[in-house]
């Protein structure tokens, strides 16, 4: 899987390409790719936000490391 930054850069590139004149078929393919990228980026951001919230507000005993097993998939490739 590409990094978050690489996928975001590709999404920005697609946005510029769709704004230019291109054949309908190509525009549709770019739009579909952009939607898929947008959804994957949004999903990853939501996971990261939840992880940050847990780290900021562990709610457990002082000095105890928060349980992060729920976020193991952040490091896995899709």
N, C-alpha and C. Protein backbone atom coordinates (compact mmCIF):
# COMPACT_ATOMS: atom_id res chain seq x y z
N UNK A 1 0.83 -1.17 0.00
CA UNK A 1 0.00 0.00 0.00
C UNK A 1 0.89 1.25 0.00
N UNK A 2 0.46 2.22 -0.72
CA UNK A 2 1.19 3.48 -0.74
C UNK A 2 0.96 4.22 0.56
N UNK A 3 1.88 5.11 0.86
CA UNK A 3 1.75 5.89 2.09
C UNK A 3 0.58 6.86 1.98
N UNK A 4 0.16 7.36 3.12
CA UNK A 4 -0.93 8.34 3.17
C UNK A 4 -0.60 9.53 2.26
N UNK A 5 0.62 10.01 2.38
CA UNK A 5 1.03 11.19 1.61
C UNK A 5 1.01 10.91 0.10
N UNK A 6 1.45 9.73 -0.29
CA UNK A 6 1.45 9.37 -1.72
C UNK A 6 0.02 9.29 -2.27
N UNK A 7 -0.87 8.71 -1.47
CA UNK A 7 -2.27 8.62 -1.90
C UNK A 7 -2.92 10.00 -1.97
N UNK A 8 -2.62 10.86 -1.01
CA UNK A 8 -3.16 12.21 -1.02
C UNK A 8 -2.65 12.99 -2.23
N UNK A 9 -1.38 12.84 -2.53
CA UNK A 9 -0.79 13.50 -3.70
C UNK A 9 -1.47 13.02 -4.99
N UNK A 10 -1.74 11.70 -5.08
CA UNK A 10 -2.42 11.15 -6.25
C UNK A 10 -3.84 11.71 -6.36
N UNK A 11 -4.53 11.84 -5.23
CA UNK A 11 -5.88 12.40 -5.24
C UNK A 11 -5.87 13.85 -5.74
N UNK A 12 -4.89 14.62 -5.31
CA UNK A 12 -4.76 16.00 -5.79
C UNK A 12 -4.46 16.03 -7.29
N UNK A 13 -3.63 15.11 -7.75
CA UNK A 13 -3.31 15.01 -9.17
C UNK A 13 -4.57 14.67 -9.97
N UNK A 14 -5.37 13.75 -9.48
CA UNK A 14 -6.61 13.38 -10.15
C UNK A 14 -7.54 14.57 -10.23
N UNK A 15 -7.62 15.33 -9.15
CA UNK A 15 -8.48 16.52 -9.13
C UNK A 15 -8.09 17.51 -10.21
N UNK A 16 -6.80 17.71 -10.38
CA UNK A 16 -6.32 18.63 -11.43
C UNK A 16 -6.63 18.07 -12.82
N UNK A 17 -6.48 16.76 -12.98
CA UNK A 17 -6.70 16.14 -14.29
C UNK A 17 -8.17 16.18 -14.70
N UNK A 18 -9.06 15.95 -13.74
CA UNK A 18 -10.49 15.96 -14.04
C UNK A 18 -10.95 17.37 -14.40
N UNK A 19 -10.32 18.38 -13.81
CA UNK A 19 -10.69 19.76 -14.10
C UNK A 19 -10.26 20.19 -15.50
N UNK A 20 -9.36 19.42 -16.11
CA UNK A 20 -8.97 19.69 -17.49
C UNK A 20 -9.91 18.93 -18.40
N UNK A 21 -9.93 19.32 -19.64
CA UNK A 21 -10.78 18.59 -20.58
C UNK A 21 -10.14 17.25 -20.89
N UNK A 22 -10.95 16.19 -20.74
CA UNK A 22 -10.50 14.86 -21.09
C UNK A 22 -11.73 14.06 -21.52
N UNK A 23 -11.51 12.97 -22.25
CA UNK A 23 -12.65 12.17 -22.70
C UNK A 23 -13.48 11.67 -21.52
N UNK A 24 -14.77 11.48 -21.77
CA UNK A 24 -15.69 11.07 -20.72
C UNK A 24 -15.25 9.79 -20.02
N UNK A 25 -14.81 8.81 -20.78
CA UNK A 25 -14.40 7.53 -20.20
C UNK A 25 -13.22 7.71 -19.24
N UNK A 26 -12.27 8.54 -19.66
CA UNK A 26 -11.10 8.81 -18.82
C UNK A 26 -11.51 9.58 -17.57
N UNK A 27 -12.40 10.54 -17.73
CA UNK A 27 -12.87 11.32 -16.58
C UNK A 27 -13.59 10.42 -15.58
N UNK A 28 -14.40 9.49 -16.08
CA UNK A 28 -15.11 8.57 -15.20
C UNK A 28 -14.14 7.66 -14.44
N UNK A 29 -13.13 7.14 -15.15
CA UNK A 29 -12.13 6.29 -14.51
C UNK A 29 -11.37 7.06 -13.43
N UNK A 30 -11.01 8.30 -13.73
CA UNK A 30 -10.31 9.14 -12.75
C UNK A 30 -11.20 9.44 -11.55
N UNK A 31 -12.48 9.70 -11.82
CA UNK A 31 -13.42 9.97 -10.74
C UNK A 31 -13.55 8.76 -9.83
N UNK A 32 -13.67 7.57 -10.41
CA UNK A 32 -13.78 6.34 -9.62
C UNK A 32 -12.53 6.13 -8.75
N UNK A 33 -11.36 6.36 -9.34
CA UNK A 33 -10.11 6.22 -8.58
C UNK A 33 -10.07 7.24 -7.45
N UNK A 34 -10.50 8.45 -7.74
CA UNK A 34 -10.51 9.51 -6.73
C UNK A 34 -11.44 9.19 -5.57
N UNK A 35 -12.61 8.64 -5.88
CA UNK A 35 -13.55 8.28 -4.82
C UNK A 35 -12.95 7.19 -3.93
N UNK A 36 -12.34 6.19 -4.55
CA UNK A 36 -11.72 5.10 -3.78
C UNK A 36 -10.59 5.64 -2.89
N UNK A 37 -9.76 6.51 -3.45
CA UNK A 37 -8.68 7.11 -2.66
C UNK A 37 -9.23 7.95 -1.51
N UNK A 38 -10.24 8.73 -1.81
CA UNK A 38 -10.84 9.59 -0.80
C UNK A 38 -11.40 8.76 0.36
N UNK A 39 -12.08 7.69 0.05
CA UNK A 39 -12.64 6.84 1.10
C UNK A 39 -11.54 6.19 1.94
N UNK A 40 -10.48 5.71 1.29
CA UNK A 40 -9.41 5.06 2.04
C UNK A 40 -8.68 6.07 2.93
N UNK A 41 -8.48 7.28 2.44
CA UNK A 41 -7.82 8.31 3.23
C UNK A 41 -8.70 8.72 4.42
N UNK A 42 -9.99 8.84 4.18
CA UNK A 42 -10.90 9.21 5.25
C UNK A 42 -10.93 8.13 6.33
N UNK A 43 -10.95 6.87 5.92
CA UNK A 43 -10.96 5.76 6.87
C UNK A 43 -9.68 5.77 7.72
N UNK A 44 -8.55 5.99 7.07
CA UNK A 44 -7.28 6.02 7.81
C UNK A 44 -7.23 7.19 8.78
N UNK A 45 -7.73 8.35 8.35
CA UNK A 45 -7.75 9.53 9.24
C UNK A 45 -8.63 9.28 10.46
N UNK A 46 -9.76 8.62 10.27
CA UNK A 46 -10.64 8.31 11.40
C UNK A 46 -9.93 7.41 12.40
N UNK A 47 -9.21 6.42 11.92
CA UNK A 47 -8.47 5.52 12.80
C UNK A 47 -7.39 6.28 13.57
N UNK A 48 -6.70 7.14 12.88
CA UNK A 48 -5.63 7.92 13.51
C UNK A 48 -6.22 8.86 14.56
N UNK A 49 -7.35 9.49 14.24
CA UNK A 49 -7.99 10.38 15.21
C UNK A 49 -8.41 9.63 16.46
N UNK A 50 -8.96 8.43 16.31
CA UNK A 50 -9.35 7.63 17.48
C UNK A 50 -8.13 7.26 18.31
N UNK A 51 -7.05 6.93 17.63
CA UNK A 51 -5.82 6.56 18.33
C UNK A 51 -5.29 7.75 19.13
N UNK A 52 -5.30 8.93 18.53
CA UNK A 52 -4.83 10.14 19.22
C UNK A 52 -5.72 10.44 20.42
N UNK A 53 -7.04 10.27 20.27
CA UNK A 53 -7.95 10.50 21.39
C UNK A 53 -7.64 9.56 22.55
N UNK A 54 -7.38 8.30 22.25
CA UNK A 54 -7.06 7.33 23.29
C UNK A 54 -5.75 7.70 23.97
N UNK A 55 -4.77 8.12 23.19
CA UNK A 55 -3.49 8.49 23.77
C UNK A 55 -3.59 9.74 24.64
N UNK A 56 -4.45 10.66 24.26
CA UNK A 56 -4.61 11.89 25.04
C UNK A 56 -5.44 11.65 26.30
N UNK A 57 -6.38 10.72 26.25
CA UNK A 57 -7.29 10.46 27.37
C UNK A 57 -7.32 8.97 27.67
N UNK A 58 -6.26 8.44 28.21
CA UNK A 58 -6.21 6.98 28.41
C UNK A 58 -7.28 6.47 29.36
N UNK A 59 -7.70 7.24 30.35
CA UNK A 59 -8.75 6.85 31.25
C UNK A 59 -8.43 5.65 32.13
N UNK A 60 -7.19 5.21 32.14
CA UNK A 60 -6.80 4.07 32.95
C UNK A 60 -5.92 4.51 34.10
N UNK A 61 -5.37 3.54 34.80
CA UNK A 61 -4.47 3.85 35.91
C UNK A 61 -3.27 4.66 35.43
N UNK A 62 -2.82 5.56 36.27
CA UNK A 62 -1.68 6.41 35.93
C UNK A 62 -0.47 5.56 35.58
N UNK A 63 0.18 5.92 34.53
CA UNK A 63 1.40 5.23 34.13
C UNK A 63 1.16 3.98 33.29
N UNK A 64 -0.09 3.53 33.18
CA UNK A 64 -0.39 2.34 32.40
C UNK A 64 -0.55 2.73 30.93
N UNK A 65 0.09 1.98 30.08
CA UNK A 65 0.04 2.25 28.65
C UNK A 65 -1.33 1.86 28.10
N UNK A 66 -1.97 2.74 27.30
CA UNK A 66 -3.27 2.41 26.73
C UNK A 66 -3.20 1.20 25.81
N UNK A 67 -4.27 0.44 25.76
CA UNK A 67 -4.36 -0.73 24.89
C UNK A 67 -4.56 -0.27 23.45
N UNK A 68 -3.65 -0.65 22.56
CA UNK A 68 -3.69 -0.18 21.18
C UNK A 68 -3.91 -1.31 20.18
N UNK A 69 -4.28 -2.51 20.64
CA UNK A 69 -4.47 -3.64 19.73
C UNK A 69 -5.53 -3.35 18.68
N UNK A 70 -6.48 -2.49 18.99
CA UNK A 70 -7.52 -2.17 18.03
C UNK A 70 -6.97 -1.49 16.79
N UNK A 71 -5.77 -0.95 16.89
CA UNK A 71 -5.21 -0.18 15.79
C UNK A 71 -4.06 -0.88 15.09
N UNK A 72 -3.93 -2.17 15.29
CA UNK A 72 -2.85 -2.92 14.65
C UNK A 72 -2.95 -2.85 13.14
N UNK A 73 -4.17 -2.71 12.61
CA UNK A 73 -4.34 -2.67 11.16
C UNK A 73 -3.80 -1.40 10.52
N UNK A 74 -3.46 -0.38 11.30
CA UNK A 74 -2.86 0.82 10.73
C UNK A 74 -1.51 0.52 10.09
N UNK A 75 -0.82 -0.47 10.64
CA UNK A 75 0.50 -0.79 10.14
C UNK A 75 0.47 -1.89 9.07
N UNK A 76 -0.70 -2.48 8.86
CA UNK A 76 -0.81 -3.57 7.88
C UNK A 76 -1.14 -2.98 6.51
N UNK A 77 -0.74 -3.71 5.49
CA UNK A 77 -1.07 -3.30 4.14
C UNK A 77 -2.42 -3.87 3.79
N UNK A 78 -3.20 -3.09 3.02
CA UNK A 78 -4.53 -3.55 2.61
C UNK A 78 -4.42 -4.31 1.32
